Amino acid sequence: TPDFVCYHELIMTSREYMTQVTAVEGEWLAELGPMFFSVKESYKSRLQKRQREKADQKTMDWEMEQEERRRAKEKEERDKKEREEAATPRTNSGVIGMGTPRVGG
């Protein structure tokens, strides 16, 4: 027996009879007539959905943590490079341009 049916006419005698009946999926009703029908999730499907959302959140948190670590490492490397460049004395190449007076010797 189908879970959902659509019918055109209901005949009431000592018993109820439906005429022009067709079986339909519950999702069809909710999709085509959302102002009249809705499909409620079962407890099991809600629980599975919640577990999926928790797993997805955990994955996103882990990815975010990895990205933050990567950025912190890059920043640390840049800062280290800048400190090394600042600590290294700049030397003149020894080439003196024309018209530049020689100093010290």
PDB file of N, CA and C in Angstrom:
ATOM      1  N   THR A   1       0.832  -1.179   0.000  1.00  0.00           N
ATOM      2  CA  THR A   1       0.000   0.000   0.000  1.00  0.00           C
ATOM      3  C   THR A   1       0.878   1.245   0.000  1.00  0.00           C
ATOM      4  N   PRO A   2       0.529   2.230  -0.786  1.00  0.00           N
ATOM      5  CA  PRO A   2       1.337   3.458  -0.842  1.00  0.00           C
ATOM      6  C   PRO A   2       1.156   4.302   0.417  1.00  0.00           C
ATOM      7  N   ASP A   3       2.167   5.081   0.734  1.00  0.00           N
ATOM      8  CA  ASP A   3       2.096   5.982   1.886  1.00  0.00           C
ATOM      9  C   ASP A   3       1.245   7.209   1.581  1.00  0.00           C
ATOM     10  N   PHE A   4       1.286   7.679   0.332  1.00  0.00           N
ATOM     11  CA  PHE A   4       0.540   8.881  -0.056  1.00  0.00           C
ATOM     12  C   PHE A   4      -0.204   8.617  -1.359  1.00  0.00           C
ATOM     13  N   VAL A   5      -1.427   9.153  -1.440  1.00  0.00           N
ATOM     14  CA  VAL A   5      -2.205   9.055  -2.672  1.00  0.00           C
ATOM     15  C   VAL A   5      -2.871  10.398  -2.936  1.00  0.00           C
ATOM     16  N   CYS A   6      -3.183  10.632  -4.182  1.00  0.00           N
ATOM     17  CA  CYS A   6      -4.014  11.773  -4.573  1.00  0.00           C
ATOM     18  C   CYS A   6      -5.266  11.183  -5.207  1.00  0.00           C
ATOM     19  N   TYR A   7      -6.419  11.758  -4.880  1.00  0.00           N
ATOM     20  CA  TYR A   7      -7.675  11.266  -5.435  1.00  0.00           C
ATOM     21  C   TYR A   7      -8.532  12.442  -5.863  1.00  0.00           C
ATOM     22  N   HIS A   8      -9.486  12.141  -6.728  1.00  0.00           N
ATOM     23  CA  HIS A   8     -10.362  13.187  -7.240  1.00  0.00           C
ATOM     24  C   HIS A   8     -11.672  13.254  -6.456  1.00  0.00           C
ATOM     25  N   GLU A   9     -12.177  12.105  -6.058  1.00  0.00           N
ATOM     26  CA  GLU A   9     -13.490  12.096  -5.432  1.00  0.00           C
ATOM     27  C   GLU A   9     -13.512  11.084  -4.300  1.00  0.00           C
ATOM     28  N   LEU A  10     -14.182  11.450  -3.220  1.00  0.00           N
ATOM     29  CA  LEU A  10     -14.358  10.552  -2.084  1.00  0.00           C
ATOM     30  C   LEU A  10     -15.845  10.245  -1.973  1.00  0.00           C
ATOM     31  N   ILE A  11     -16.190   8.965  -2.058  1.00  0.00           N
ATOM     32  CA  ILE A  11     -17.587   8.538  -1.991  1.00  0.00           C
ATOM     33  C   ILE A  11     -17.818   7.918  -0.616  1.00  0.00           C
ATOM     34  N   MET A  12     -18.797   8.467   0.094  1.00  0.00           N
ATOM     35  CA  MET A  12     -19.115   7.980   1.433  1.00  0.00           C
ATOM     36  C   MET A  12     -20.377   7.108   1.367  1.00  0.00           C
ATOM     37  N   THR A  13     -20.197   5.851   1.636  1.00  0.00           N
ATOM     38  CA  THR A  13     -21.342   4.941   1.810  1.00  0.00           C
ATOM     39  C   THR A  13     -21.163   4.347   3.193  1.00  0.00           C
ATOM     40  N   SER A  14     -21.518   3.109   3.370  1.00  0.00           N
ATOM     41  CA  SER A  14     -21.210   2.484   4.662  1.00  0.00           C
ATOM     42  C   SER A  14     -19.696   2.373   4.821  1.00  0.00           C
ATOM     43  N   ARG A  15     -18.979   2.491   3.707  1.00  0.00           N
ATOM     44  CA  ARG A  15     -17.513   2.540   3.691  1.00  0.00           C
ATOM     45  C   ARG A  15     -17.092   3.738   2.847  1.00  0.00           C
ATOM     46  N   GLU A  16     -15.825   4.114   2.969  1.00  0.00           N
ATOM     47  CA  GLU A  16     -15.306   5.226   2.151  1.00  0.00           C
ATOM     48  C   GLU A  16     -14.619   4.653   0.918  1.00  0.00           C
ATOM     49  N   TYR A  17     -14.870   5.286  -0.226  1.00  0.00           N
ATOM     50  CA  TYR A  17     -14.237   4.888  -1.476  1.00  0.00           C
ATOM     51  C   TYR A  17     -13.636   6.128  -2.133  1.00  0.00           C
ATOM     52  N   MET A  18     -12.485   5.945  -2.743  1.00  0.00           N
ATOM     53  CA  MET A  18     -11.853   7.017  -3.504  1.00  0.00           C
ATOM     54  C   MET A  18     -11.905   6.639  -4.981  1.00  0.00           C
ATOM     55  N   THR A  19     -12.144   7.628  -5.815  1.00  0.00           N
ATOM     56  CA  THR A  19     -12.114   7.385  -7.256  1.00  0.00           C
ATOM     57  C   THR A  19     -10.976   8.196  -7.867  1.00  0.00           C
ATOM     58  N   GLN A  20     -10.502   7.709  -8.998  1.00  0.00           N
ATOM     59  CA  GLN A  20      -9.403   8.350  -9.741  1.00  0.00           C
ATOM     60  C   GLN A  20      -8.227   8.601  -8.807  1.00  0.00           C
ATOM     61  N   VAL A  21      -7.615   7.522  -8.353  1.00  0.00           N
ATOM     62  CA  VAL A  21      -6.560   7.554  -7.339  1.00  0.00           C
ATOM     63  C   VAL A  21      -5.221   7.249  -7.996  1.00  0.00           C
ATOM     64  N   THR A  22      -4.192   7.939  -7.530  1.00  0.00           N
ATOM     65  CA  THR A  22      -2.835   7.627  -7.958  1.00  0.00           C
ATOM     66  C   THR A  22      -1.893   7.740  -6.765  1.00  0.00           C
ATOM     67  N   ALA A  23      -0.896   6.873  -6.722  1.00  0.00           N
ATOM     68  CA  ALA A  23       0.099   6.901  -5.647  1.00  0.00           C
ATOM     69  C   ALA A  23       1.142   7.967  -5.974  1.00  0.00           C
ATOM     70  N   VAL A  24       1.568   8.685  -4.957  1.00  0.00           N
ATOM     71  CA  VAL A  24       2.583   9.733  -5.138  1.00  0.00           C
ATOM     72  C   VAL A  24       3.607   9.626  -4.019  1.00  0.00           C
ATOM     73  N   GLU A  25       4.764  10.218  -4.253  1.00  0.00           N
ATOM     74  CA  GLU A  25       5.805  10.317  -3.225  1.00  0.00           C
ATOM     75  C   GLU A  25       5.524  11.544  -2.363  1.00  0.00           C
ATOM     76  N   GLY A  26       5.766  11.431  -1.063  1.00  0.00           N
ATOM     77  CA  GLY A  26       5.531  12.554  -0.159  1.00  0.00           C
ATOM     78  C   GLY A  26       6.359  13.769  -0.510  1.00  0.00           C
ATOM     79  N   GLU A  27       7.583  13.553  -1.005  1.00  0.00           N
ATOM     80  CA  GLU A  27       8.453  14.669  -1.378  1.00  0.00           C
ATOM     81  C   GLU A  27       7.872  15.463  -2.542  1.00  0.00           C
ATOM     82  N   TRP A  28       7.122  14.764  -3.420  1.00  0.00           N
ATOM     83  CA  TRP A  28       6.503  15.457  -4.549  1.00  0.00           C
ATOM     84  C   TRP A  28       5.498  16.489  -4.051  1.00  0.00           C
ATOM     85  N   LEU A  29       4.715  16.071  -3.082  1.00  0.00           N
ATOM     86  CA  LEU A  29       3.703  16.985  -2.544  1.00  0.00           C
ATOM     87  C   LEU A  29       4.351  18.207  -1.910  1.00  0.00           C
ATOM     88  N   ALA A  30       5.393  17.965  -1.138  1.00  0.00           N
ATOM     89  CA  ALA A  30       6.079  19.077  -0.474  1.00  0.00           C
ATOM     90  C   ALA A  30       6.762  19.984  -1.487  1.00  0.00           C
ATOM     91  N   GLU A  31       7.248  19.411  -2.572  1.00  0.00           N
ATOM     92  CA  GLU A  31       7.947  20.212  -3.586  1.00  0.00           C
ATOM     93  C   GLU A  31       6.975  21.034  -4.434  1.00  0.00           C
ATOM     94  N   LEU A  32       5.879  20.413  -4.814  1.00  0.00           N
ATOM     95  CA  LEU A  32       4.947  21.084  -5.722  1.00  0.00           C
ATOM     96  C   LEU A  32       3.879  21.912  -5.009  1.00  0.00           C
ATOM     97  N   GLY A  33       3.637  21.623  -3.743  1.00  0.00           N
ATOM     98  CA  GLY A  33       2.630  22.385  -3.007  1.00  0.00           C
ATOM     99  C   GLY A  33       3.106  22.711  -1.602  1.00  0.00           C
ATOM    100  N   PRO A  34       4.228  23.443  -1.481  1.00  0.00           N
ATOM    101  CA  PRO A  34       4.792  23.689  -0.147  1.00  0.00           C
ATOM    102  C   PRO A  34       3.871  24.497   0.764  1.00  0.00           C
ATOM    103  N   MET A  35       2.892  25.220   0.181  1.00  0.00           N
ATOM    104  CA  MET A  35       1.979  25.982   1.026  1.00  0.00           C
ATOM    105  C   MET A  35       0.942  25.073   1.680  1.00  0.00           C
ATOM    106  N   PHE A  36       0.808  23.837   1.179  1.00  0.00           N
ATOM    107  CA  PHE A  36      -0.150  22.893   1.736  1.00  0.00           C
ATOM    108  C   PHE A  36       0.508  21.706   2.456  1.00  0.00           C
ATOM    109  N   PHE A  37       1.707  21.313   1.989  1.00  0.00           N
ATOM    110  CA  PHE A  37       2.334  20.096   2.485  1.00  0.00           C
ATOM    111  C   PHE A  37       3.763  20.362   2.943  1.00  0.00           C
ATOM    112  N   SER A  38       4.203  19.584   3.915  1.00  0.00           N
ATOM    113  CA  SER A  38       5.606  19.592   4.312  1.00  0.00           C
ATOM    114  C   SER A  38       5.973  18.182   4.741  1.00  0.00           C
ATOM    115  N   VAL A  39       7.213  17.842   4.525  1.00  0.00           N
ATOM    116  CA  VAL A  39       7.701  16.525   4.915  1.00  0.00           C
ATOM    117  C   VAL A  39       8.561  16.721   6.146  1.00  0.00           C
ATOM    118  N   LYS A  40       8.146  16.123   7.236  1.00  0.00           N
ATOM    119  CA  LYS A  40       8.911  16.241   8.472  1.00  0.00           C
ATOM    120  C   LYS A  40       9.951  15.137   8.518  1.00  0.00           C
ATOM    121  N   GLU A  41      11.120  15.512   9.027  1.00  0.00           N
ATOM    122  CA  GLU A  41      12.181  14.528   9.147  1.00  0.00           C
ATOM    123  C   GLU A  41      11.897  13.599  10.316  1.00  0.00           C
ATOM    124  N   SER A  42      12.289  12.365  10.161  1.00  0.00           N
ATOM    125  CA  SER A  42      12.152  11.431  11.270  1.00  0.00           C
ATOM    126  C   SER A  42      13.263  11.704  12.278  1.00  0.00           C
ATOM    127  N   TYR A  43      13.140  11.128  13.447  1.00  0.00           N
ATOM    128  CA  TYR A  43      14.154  11.321  14.485  1.00  0.00           C
ATOM    129  C   TYR A  43      15.510  10.840  13.983  1.00  0.00           C
ATOM    130  N   LYS A  44      15.514   9.693  13.318  1.00  0.00           N
ATOM    131  CA  LYS A  44      16.772   9.118  12.829  1.00  0.00           C
ATOM    132  C   LYS A  44      17.446  10.035  11.807  1.00  0.00           C
ATOM    133  N   SER A  45      16.668  10.581  10.866  1.00  0.00           N
ATOM    134  CA  SER A  45      17.270  11.447   9.847  1.00  0.00           C
ATOM    135  C   SER A  45      17.733  12.769  10.463  1.00  0.00           C
ATOM    136  N   ARG A  46      17.001  13.299  11.469  1.00  0.00           N
ATOM    137  CA  ARG A  46      17.448  14.522  12.151  1.00  0.00           C
ATOM    138  C   ARG A  46      18.757  14.264  12.895  1.00  0.00           C
ATOM    139  N   LEU A  47      18.834  13.099  13.544  1.00  0.00           N
ATOM    140  CA  LEU A  47      20.043  12.737  14.283  1.00  0.00           C
ATOM    141  C   LEU A  47      21.231  12.605  13.339  1.00  0.00           C
ATOM    142  N   GLN A  48      21.022  11.945  12.203  1.00  0.00           N
ATOM    143  CA  GLN A  48      22.094  11.803  11.217  1.00  0.00           C
ATOM    144  C   GLN A  48      22.516  13.163  10.670  1.00  0.00           C
ATOM    145  N   LYS A  49      21.542  14.034  10.418  1.00  0.00           N
ATOM    146  CA  LYS A  49      21.849  15.373   9.913  1.00  0.00           C
ATOM    147  C   LYS A  49      22.678  16.141  10.934  1.00  0.00           C
ATOM    148  N   ARG A  50      22.279  16.064  12.204  1.00  0.00           N
ATOM    149  CA  ARG A  50      23.011  16.760  13.256  1.00  0.00           C
ATOM    150  C   ARG A  50      24.440  16.219  13.376  1.00  0.00           C
ATOM    151  N   GLN A  51      24.588  14.888  13.269  1.00  0.00           N
ATOM    152  CA  GLN A  51      25.920  14.289  13.333  1.00  0.00           C
ATOM    153  C   GLN A  51      26.774  14.736  12.155  1.00  0.00           C
ATOM    154  N   ARG A  52      26.177  14.812  10.962  1.00  0.00           N
ATOM    155  CA  ARG A  52      26.909  15.298   9.785  1.00  0.00           C
ATOM    156  C   ARG A  52      27.345  16.738   9.978  1.00  0.00           C
ATOM    157  N   GLU A  53      26.430  17.573  10.511  1.00  0.00           N
ATOM    158  CA  GLU A  53      26.766  18.978  10.729  1.00  0.00           C
ATOM    159  C   GLU A  53      27.898  19.113  11.739  1.00  0.00           C
ATOM    160  N   LYS A  54      27.874  18.307  12.807  1.00  0.00           N
ATOM    161  CA  LYS A  54      28.954  18.347  13.797  1.00  0.00           C
ATOM    162  C   LYS A  54      30.279  17.928  13.176  1.00  0.00           C
ATOM    163  N   ALA A  55      30.246  16.869  12.361  1.00  0.00           N
ATOM    164  CA  ALA A  55      31.464  16.405  11.698  1.00  0.00           C
ATOM    165  C   ALA A  55      31.984  17.471  10.737  1.00  0.00           C
ATOM    166  N   ASP A  56      31.078  18.103   9.991  1.00  0.00           N
ATOM    167  CA  ASP A  56      31.483  19.165   9.065  1.00  0.00           C
ATOM    168  C   ASP A  56      32.085  20.341   9.824  1.00  0.00           C
ATOM    169  N   GLN A  57      31.472  20.706  10.956  1.00  0.00           N
ATOM    170  CA  GLN A  57      31.986  21.812  11.763  1.00  0.00           C
ATOM    171  C   GLN A  57      33.370  21.478  12.301  1.00  0.00           C
ATOM    172  N   LYS A  58      33.554  20.239  12.740  1.00  0.00           N
ATOM    173  CA  LYS A  58      34.853  19.811  13.262  1.00  0.00           C
ATOM    174  C   LYS A  58      35.916  19.887  12.160  1.00  0.00           C
ATOM    175  N   THR A  59      35.548  19.462  10.950  1.00  0.00           N
ATOM    176  CA  THR A  59      36.473  19.534   9.818  1.00  0.00           C
ATOM    177  C   THR A  59      36.820  20.984   9.492  1.00  0.00           C
ATOM    178  N   MET A  60      35.796  21.859   9.480  1.00  0.00           N
ATOM    179  CA  MET A  60      36.062  23.272   9.190  1.00  0.00           C
ATOM    180  C   MET A  60      36.941  23.902  10.262  1.00  0.00           C
ATOM    181  N   ASP A  61      36.697  23.552  11.529  1.00  0.00           N
ATOM    182  CA  ASP A  61      37.526  24.080  12.615  1.00  0.00           C
ATOM    183  C   ASP A  61      38.977  23.640  12.450  1.00  0.00           C
ATOM    184  N   TRP A  62      39.173  22.351  12.108  1.00  0.00           N
ATOM    185  CA  TRP A  62      40.531  21.831  11.913  1.00  0.00           C
ATOM    186  C   TRP A  62      41.211  22.547  10.753  1.00  0.00           C
ATOM    187  N   GLU A  63      40.492  22.730   9.631  1.00  0.00           N
ATOM    188  CA  GLU A  63      41.060  23.429   8.477  1.00  0.00           C
ATOM    189  C   GLU A  63      41.423  24.868   8.830  1.00  0.00           C
ATOM    190  N   MET A  64      40.569  25.536   9.609  1.00  0.00           N
ATOM    191  CA  MET A  64      40.833  26.911  10.020  1.00  0.00           C
ATOM    192  C   MET A  64      42.077  26.969  10.896  1.00  0.00           C
ATOM    193  N   GLU A  65      42.201  26.025  11.799  1.00  0.00           N
ATOM    194  CA  GLU A  65      43.377  25.977  12.678  1.00  0.00           C
ATOM    195  C   GLU A  65      44.653  25.767  11.866  1.00  0.00           C
ATOM    196  N   GLN A  66      44.588  24.875  10.876  1.00  0.00           N
ATOM    197  CA  GLN A  66      45.752  24.633  10.020  1.00  0.00           C
ATOM    198  C   GLN A  66      46.130  25.894   9.244  1.00  0.00           C
ATOM    199  N   GLU A  67      45.120  26.605   8.734  1.00  0.00           N
ATOM    200  CA  GLU A  67      45.380  27.833   7.984  1.00  0.00           C
ATOM    201  C   GLU A  67      45.987  28.901   8.886  1.00  0.00           C
ATOM    202  N   GLU A  68      45.469  29.021  10.111  1.00  0.00           N
ATOM    203  CA  GLU A  68      46.028  29.999  11.053  1.00  0.00           C
ATOM    204  C   GLU A  68      47.474  29.669  11.381  1.00  0.00           C
ATOM    205  N   ARG A  69      47.775  28.390  11.560  1.00  0.00           N
ATOM    206  CA  ARG A  69      49.164  27.979  11.828  1.00  0.00           C
ATOM    207  C   ARG A  69      50.067  28.307  10.647  1.00  0.00           C
ATOM    208  N   ARG A  70      49.561  28.037   9.423  1.00  0.00           N
ATOM    209  CA  ARG A  70      50.362  28.319   8.230  1.00  0.00           C
ATOM    210  C   ARG A  70      50.660  29.809   8.123  1.00  0.00           C
ATOM    211  N   ARG A  71      49.634  30.633   8.368  1.00  0.00           N
ATOM    212  CA  ARG A  71      49.828  32.088   8.293  1.00  0.00           C
ATOM    213  C   ARG A  71      50.772  32.586   9.373  1.00  0.00           C
ATOM    214  N   ALA A  72      50.661  32.044  10.576  1.00  0.00           N
ATOM    215  CA  ALA A  72      51.554  32.446  11.661  1.00  0.00           C
ATOM    216  C   ALA A  72      52.997  32.071  11.321  1.00  0.00           C
ATOM    217  N   LYS A  73      53.189  30.888  10.721  1.00  0.00           N
ATOM    218  CA  LYS A  73      54.537  30.452  10.334  1.00  0.00           C
ATOM    219  C   LYS A  73      55.105  31.373   9.252  1.00  0.00           C
ATOM    220  N   GLU A  74      54.272  31.720   8.261  1.00  0.00           N
ATOM    221  CA  GLU A  74      54.725  32.629   7.206  1.00  0.00           C
ATOM    222  C   GLU A  74      55.100  33.988   7.787  1.00  0.00           C
ATOM    223  N   LYS A  75      54.298  34.498   8.703  1.00  0.00           N
ATOM    224  CA  LYS A  75      54.578  35.789   9.324  1.00  0.00           C
ATOM    225  C   LYS A  75      55.883  35.716  10.119  1.00  0.00           C
ATOM    226  N   GLU A  76      56.060  34.628  10.845  1.00  0.00           N
ATOM    227  CA  GLU A  76      57.289  34.454  11.620  1.00  0.00           C
ATOM    228  C   GLU A  76      58.509  34.426  10.711  1.00  0.00           C
ATOM    229  N   GLU A  77      58.391  33.729   9.574  1.00  0.00           N
ATOM    230  CA  GLU A  77      59.500  33.668   8.624  1.00  0.00           C
ATOM    231  C   GLU A  77      59.782  35.045   8.026  1.00  0.00           C
ATOM    232  N   ARG A  78      58.730  35.810   7.685  1.00  0.00           N
ATOM    233  CA  ARG A  78      58.927  37.163   7.153  1.00  0.00           C
ATOM    234  C   ARG A  78      59.606  38.057   8.186  1.00  0.00           C
ATOM    235  N   ASP A  79      59.112  37.993   9.435  1.00  0.00           N
ATOM    236  CA  ASP A  79      59.696  38.817  10.503  1.00  0.00           C
ATOM    237  C   ASP A  79      61.160  38.457  10.729  1.00  0.00           C
ATOM    238  N   LYS A  80      61.466  37.165  10.704  1.00  0.00           N
ATOM    239  CA  LYS A  80      62.850  36.715  10.892  1.00  0.00           C
ATOM    240  C   LYS A  80      63.738  37.242   9.763  1.00  0.00           C
ATOM    241  N   LYS A  81      63.232  37.163   8.533  1.00  0.00           N
ATOM    242  CA  LYS A  81      63.990  37.643   7.380  1.00  0.00           C
ATOM    243  C   LYS A  81      64.228  39.148   7.486  1.00  0.00           C
ATOM    244  N   GLU A  82      63.189  39.888   7.903  1.00  0.00           N
ATOM    245  CA  GLU A  82      63.331  41.336   8.053  1.00  0.00           C
ATOM    246  C   GLU A  82      64.342  41.677   9.151  1.00  0.00           C
ATOM    247  N   ARG A  83      64.318  40.939  10.254  1.00  0.00           N
ATOM    248  CA  ARG A  83      65.298  41.184  11.334  1.00  0.00           C
ATOM    249  C   ARG A  83      66.720  40.895  10.856  1.00  0.00           C
ATOM    250  N   GLU A  84      66.886  39.811  10.099  1.00  0.00           N
ATOM    251  CA  GLU A  84      68.207  39.477   9.573  1.00  0.00           C
ATOM    252  C   GLU A  84      68.706  40.547   8.612  1.00  0.00           C
ATOM    253  N   GLU A  85      67.810  41.041   7.764  1.00  0.00           N
ATOM    254  CA  GLU A  85      68.199  42.093   6.820  1.00  0.00           C
ATOM    255  C   GLU A  85      68.551  43.377   7.557  1.00  0.00           C
ATOM    256  N   ALA A  86      67.817  43.670   8.621  1.00  0.00           N
ATOM    257  CA  ALA A  86      68.081  44.884   9.390  1.00  0.00           C
ATOM    258  C   ALA A  86      69.394  44.765  10.158  1.00  0.00           C
ATOM    259  N   ALA A  87      69.747  43.563  10.586  1.00  0.00           N
ATOM    260  CA  ALA A  87      70.968  43.351  11.369  1.00  0.00           C
ATOM    261  C   ALA A  87      72.207  43.282  10.484  1.00  0.00           C
ATOM    262  N   THR A  88      72.036  42.951   9.215  1.00  0.00           N
ATOM    263  CA  THR A  88      73.169  42.842   8.300  1.00  0.00           C
ATOM    264  C   THR A  88      73.572  44.245   7.861  1.00  0.00           C
ATOM    265  N   PRO A  89      74.839  44.628   8.121  1.00  0.00           N
ATOM    266  CA  PRO A  89      75.273  45.967   7.701  1.00  0.00           C
ATOM    267  C   PRO A  89      75.350  46.045   6.176  1.00  0.00           C
ATOM    268  N   ARG A  90      74.963  47.165   5.680  1.00  0.00           N
ATOM    269  CA  ARG A  90      75.030  47.367   4.235  1.00  0.00           C
ATOM    270  C   ARG A  90      76.437  47.833   3.884  1.00  0.00           C
ATOM    271  N   THR A  91      77.016  47.206   2.934  1.00  0.00           N
ATOM    272  CA  THR A  91      78.378  47.579   2.508  1.00  0.00           C
ATOM    273  C   THR A  91      78.318  48.226   1.149  1.00  0.00           C
ATOM    274  N   ASN A  92      79.240  49.157   0.944  1.00  0.00           N
ATOM    275  CA  ASN A  92      79.347  49.828  -0.330  1.00  0.00           C
ATOM    276  C   ASN A  92      80.108  48.896  -1.256  1.00  0.00           C
ATOM    277  N   SER A  93      79.767  48.828  -2.474  1.00  0.00           N
ATOM    278  CA  SER A  93      80.405  47.911  -3.410  1.00  0.00           C
ATOM    279  C   SER A  93      81.823  48.344  -3.770  1.00  0.00           C
ATOM    280  N   GLY A  94      82.224  49.500  -3.339  1.00  0.00           N
ATOM    281  CA  GLY A  94      83.568  49.973  -3.648  1.00  0.00           C
ATOM    282  C   GLY A  94      83.651  50.732  -4.950  1.00  0.00           C
ATOM    283  N   VAL A  95      82.589  50.809  -5.689  1.00  0.00           N
ATOM    284  CA  VAL A  95      82.588  51.526  -6.952  1.00  0.00           C
ATOM    285  C   VAL A  95      82.255  52.971  -6.639  1.00  0.00           C
ATOM    286  N   ILE A  96      83.118  53.807  -7.117  1.00  0.00           N
ATOM    287  CA  ILE A  96      82.918  55.222  -6.882  1.00  0.00           C
ATOM    288  C   ILE A  96      82.514  55.850  -8.195  1.00  0.00           C
ATOM    289  N   GLY A  97      81.448  56.584  -8.173  1.00  0.00           N
ATOM    290  CA  GLY A  97      80.969  57.222  -9.386  1.00  0.00           C
ATOM    291  C   GLY A  97      81.798  58.464  -9.672  1.00  0.00           C
ATOM    292  N   MET A  98      81.702  58.941 -10.859  1.00  0.00           N
ATOM    293  CA  MET A  98      82.448  60.109 -11.252  1.00  0.00           C
ATOM    294  C   MET A  98      81.981  61.322 -10.488  1.00  0.00           C
ATOM    295  N   GLY A  99      82.891  62.094  -9.998  1.00  0.00           N
ATOM    296  CA  GLY A  99      82.583  63.304  -9.286  1.00  0.00           C
ATOM    297  C   GLY A  99      82.338  63.052  -7.818  1.00  0.00           C
ATOM    298  N   THR A 100      82.442  61.824  -7.369  1.00  0.00           N
ATOM    299  CA  THR A 100      82.244  61.540  -5.968  1.00  0.00           C
ATOM    300  C   THR A 100      83.608  61.540  -5.285  1.00  0.00           C
ATOM    301  N   PRO A 101      83.767  62.365  -4.257  1.00  0.00           N
ATOM    302  CA  PRO A 101      85.070  62.422  -3.601  1.00  0.00           C
ATOM    303  C   PRO A 101      85.332  61.139  -2.818  1.00  0.00           C
ATOM    304  N   ARG A 102      86.590  60.713  -2.860  1.00  0.00           N
ATOM    305  CA  ARG A 102      86.991  59.529  -2.139  1.00  0.00           C
ATOM    306  C   ARG A 102      87.207  59.909  -0.691  1.00  0.00           C
ATOM    307  N   VAL A 103      86.673  59.106   0.205  1.00  0.00           N
ATOM    308  CA  VAL A 103      86.779  59.408   1.624  1.00  0.00           C
ATOM    309  C   VAL A 103      87.755  58.451   2.262  1.00  0.00           C
ATOM    310  N   GLY A 104      88.654  58.965   3.103  1.00  0.00           N
ATOM    311  CA  GLY A 104      89.532  58.147   3.935  1.00  0.00           C
ATOM    312  C   GLY A 104      90.637  57.442   3.177  1.00  0.00           C
ATOM    313  N   GLY A 105      91.116  57.950   2.193  1.00  0.00           N
ATOM    314  CA  GLY A 105      92.276  57.378   1.768  1.00  0.00           C
ATOM    315  C   GLY A 105      92.766  57.063   0.528  1.00  0.00           C
TER     316      GLY A 105
END
